């Protein structure tokens, strides 16, 4: 499933994007804010892509690669995942290569995914977990009217803070 914004295409990823996904998911700047096992080579990246494709096939996740309309290569990713059993709530996750920060790219991307989540998937709530020191991510969420969930804790990562956006 492809989404488009003014400048960007959000597209499903497949094995042909292995190099791009490796570059994004192994980036040390991005990974300072994320607890995960980053791929170290194309084989591990391919395993990740196949995992994502399987989750998408089972309706457990929607995962898009982000690229400019006039380019093939990916500069980031965004996903909706961790759906509640009643499919009313999902979590959004995103990452963008540092060379593309502060250009409005993730804001444009997030706006498109939020619209899709609320209008097409009929979600009532979208959550975002972000590192407490990731000021850029927190600013992005606040710009898009997410509200910090004071006192709520991420059981998997104590350094995260949780934001919520409810459908209006």
Protein backbone atom coordinates (compact mmCIF):
# COMPACT_ATOMS: atom_id res chain seq x y z
CA UNK A 1 0.00 0.00 0.00
CA UNK A 2 1.50 3.27 -1.13
CA UNK A 3 0.80 6.73 0.32
CA UNK A 4 1.83 10.03 -1.22
CA UNK A 5 2.39 13.46 0.23
CA UNK A 6 3.37 16.66 -1.52
CA UNK A 7 7.05 15.71 -1.86
CA UNK A 8 7.21 12.09 -0.74
CA UNK A 9 6.17 8.54 -1.51
CA UNK A 10 5.61 6.14 1.36
CA UNK A 11 5.95 2.66 -0.07
CA UNK A 12 6.05 -0.94 1.04
CA UNK A 13 9.55 -2.28 1.33
CA UNK A 14 10.88 -5.48 -0.15
CA UNK A 15 14.21 -7.18 -0.62
CA UNK A 16 15.30 -4.63 -3.22
CA UNK A 17 15.66 -2.05 -0.41
CA UNK A 18 18.12 -4.09 1.66
CA UNK A 19 20.98 -1.57 1.32
CA UNK A 20 18.75 1.39 2.23
CA UNK A 21 17.23 -0.36 5.25
CA UNK A 22 20.69 -1.38 6.46
CA UNK A 23 21.87 2.23 6.18
CA UNK A 24 18.86 3.53 8.12
CA UNK A 25 18.65 0.86 10.85
CA UNK A 26 22.40 0.80 11.53
CA UNK A 27 22.79 4.59 11.75
CA UNK A 28 24.47 5.44 15.06
CA UNK A 29 22.70 8.80 15.44
CA UNK A 30 19.26 7.22 15.08
CA UNK A 31 20.19 4.29 17.30
CA UNK A 32 21.19 6.45 20.24
CA UNK A 33 17.45 6.86 20.86
CA UNK A 34 16.27 3.33 20.06
CA UNK A 35 16.83 0.05 21.88
CA UNK A 36 17.07 -2.63 19.21
CA UNK A 37 19.39 -5.13 17.65
CA UNK A 38 20.55 -3.24 14.59
CA UNK A 39 21.48 -5.26 11.52
CA UNK A 40 25.19 -5.62 10.92
CA UNK A 41 25.03 -6.87 7.35
CA UNK A 42 22.74 -7.48 4.39
CA UNK A 43 21.74 -10.93 5.63
CA UNK A 44 20.43 -9.56 8.96
CA UNK A 45 18.71 -6.73 7.10
CA UNK A 46 17.04 -9.18 4.76
CA UNK A 47 15.79 -11.15 7.77
CA UNK A 48 14.27 -7.92 9.12
CA UNK A 49 12.58 -7.16 5.78
CA UNK A 50 11.11 -10.65 5.61
CA UNK A 51 9.88 -10.26 9.21
CA UNK A 52 8.17 -6.97 8.27
CA UNK A 53 6.59 -8.53 5.18
CA UNK A 54 5.23 -11.38 7.31
CA UNK A 55 3.79 -8.96 9.90
CA UNK A 56 2.19 -6.94 7.10
CA UNK A 57 0.71 -10.08 5.52
CA UNK A 58 -0.79 -11.01 8.91
CA UNK A 59 -2.23 -7.47 9.37
CA UNK A 60 -0.04 -6.89 12.41
CA UNK A 61 1.84 -3.92 10.99
CA UNK A 62 1.91 -1.34 8.23
CA UNK A 63 5.47 -0.35 7.37
CA UNK A 64 6.50 2.16 4.74
CA UNK A 65 9.83 3.28 3.36
CA UNK A 66 10.08 7.04 2.81
CA UNK A 67 11.53 8.46 -0.40
CA UNK A 68 11.29 11.62 -2.45
CA UNK A 69 8.95 11.28 -5.42
CA UNK A 70 11.82 11.66 -7.88
CA UNK A 71 14.15 9.18 -6.13
CA UNK A 72 14.08 5.46 -5.50
CA UNK A 73 16.29 5.29 -2.42
CA UNK A 74 14.79 5.33 1.06
CA UNK A 75 15.66 8.10 3.51
CA UNK A 76 13.60 6.80 6.42
CA UNK A 77 10.75 4.58 7.53
CA UNK A 78 7.43 4.94 9.35
CA UNK A 79 5.04 2.33 10.63
CA UNK A 80 1.77 1.72 12.40
CA UNK A 81 1.99 -1.33 14.61
CA UNK A 82 1.20 -2.77 18.02
CA UNK A 83 -2.52 -2.61 17.27
CA UNK A 84 -4.94 -3.18 20.13
CA UNK A 85 -7.13 -6.28 19.95
CA UNK A 86 -10.13 -4.15 18.94
CA UNK A 87 -8.03 -2.35 16.27
CA UNK A 88 -8.91 1.04 17.80
CA UNK A 89 -5.38 1.92 18.93
CA UNK A 90 -2.00 1.62 17.23
CA UNK A 91 1.51 2.85 17.80
CA UNK A 92 3.43 4.94 15.30
CA UNK A 93 7.17 4.54 14.90
CA UNK A 94 9.51 6.43 12.60
CA UNK A 95 13.14 7.08 11.75
CA UNK A 96 14.87 9.39 9.30
CA UNK A 97 18.49 9.60 8.21
CA UNK A 98 20.16 12.62 9.89
CA UNK A 99 20.99 14.31 6.54
CA UNK A 100 17.24 14.86 6.10
CA UNK A 101 16.44 16.22 9.56
CA UNK A 102 15.02 19.75 9.95
CA UNK A 103 13.54 19.82 6.44
CA UNK A 104 9.91 19.07 7.36
CA UNK A 105 10.13 15.58 5.89
CA UNK A 106 9.05 13.65 8.95
CA UNK A 107 6.33 16.18 9.70
CA UNK A 108 4.92 15.71 6.19
CA UNK A 109 5.25 11.93 6.51
CA UNK A 110 3.61 11.78 9.93
CA UNK A 111 0.73 13.95 8.78
CA UNK A 112 0.00 11.54 5.93
CA UNK A 113 0.18 8.46 8.16
CA UNK A 114 -2.03 10.04 10.85
CA UNK A 115 -4.63 10.88 8.23
CA UNK A 116 -4.50 7.32 6.91
CA UNK A 117 -4.71 5.88 10.43
CA UNK A 118 -7.73 7.91 11.46
CA UNK A 119 -9.63 8.11 8.16
CA UNK A 120 -8.89 4.77 6.50
CA UNK A 121 -8.11 2.43 9.42
CA UNK A 122 -10.65 4.19 11.66
CA UNK A 123 -8.25 4.28 14.60
CA UNK A 124 -9.41 6.17 17.67
CA UNK A 125 -5.98 6.61 19.26
CA UNK A 126 -2.40 6.66 18.02
CA UNK A 127 0.43 6.32 20.52
CA UNK A 128 4.08 7.26 20.10
CA UNK A 129 6.91 6.11 22.33
CA UNK A 130 10.04 8.22 22.10
CA UNK A 131 13.25 8.57 24.06
CA UNK A 132 13.09 11.15 26.82
CA UNK A 133 16.18 12.89 25.37
CA UNK A 134 14.96 12.96 21.78
CA UNK A 135 13.82 16.57 21.70
CA UNK A 136 13.29 16.61 17.92
CA UNK A 137 10.90 13.67 18.09
CA UNK A 138 9.01 15.18 21.01
CA UNK A 139 8.72 18.51 19.17
CA UNK A 140 7.40 16.70 16.11
CA UNK A 141 4.74 14.95 18.17
CA UNK A 142 3.68 18.14 19.94
CA UNK A 143 3.46 19.95 16.59
CA UNK A 144 0.98 17.29 15.48
CA UNK A 145 -1.09 17.71 18.67
CA UNK A 146 0.06 14.61 20.52
CA UNK A 147 -0.19 14.95 24.29
CA UNK A 148 2.45 13.68 26.70
CA UNK A 149 1.02 10.94 28.90
CA UNK A 150 2.33 12.15 32.25
CA UNK A 151 3.24 9.29 34.55
CA UNK A 152 2.73 6.52 31.96
CA UNK A 153 5.74 4.23 31.64
CA UNK A 154 7.04 2.08 28.83
CA UNK A 155 7.56 -1.33 30.45
CA UNK A 156 10.12 -2.28 27.78
CA UNK A 157 12.24 0.90 27.95
CA UNK A 158 12.31 3.11 31.02
CA UNK A 159 13.98 5.90 29.01
CA UNK A 160 10.92 6.36 26.79
CA UNK A 161 8.08 8.80 27.24
CA UNK A 162 4.65 8.14 25.78
CA UNK A 163 2.53 10.50 23.70
CA UNK A 164 -1.11 10.05 22.68
CA UNK A 165 -3.22 11.49 19.89
CA UNK A 166 -6.95 10.84 19.95
CA UNK A 167 -9.24 11.14 16.98
CA UNK A 168 -11.15 14.41 16.95
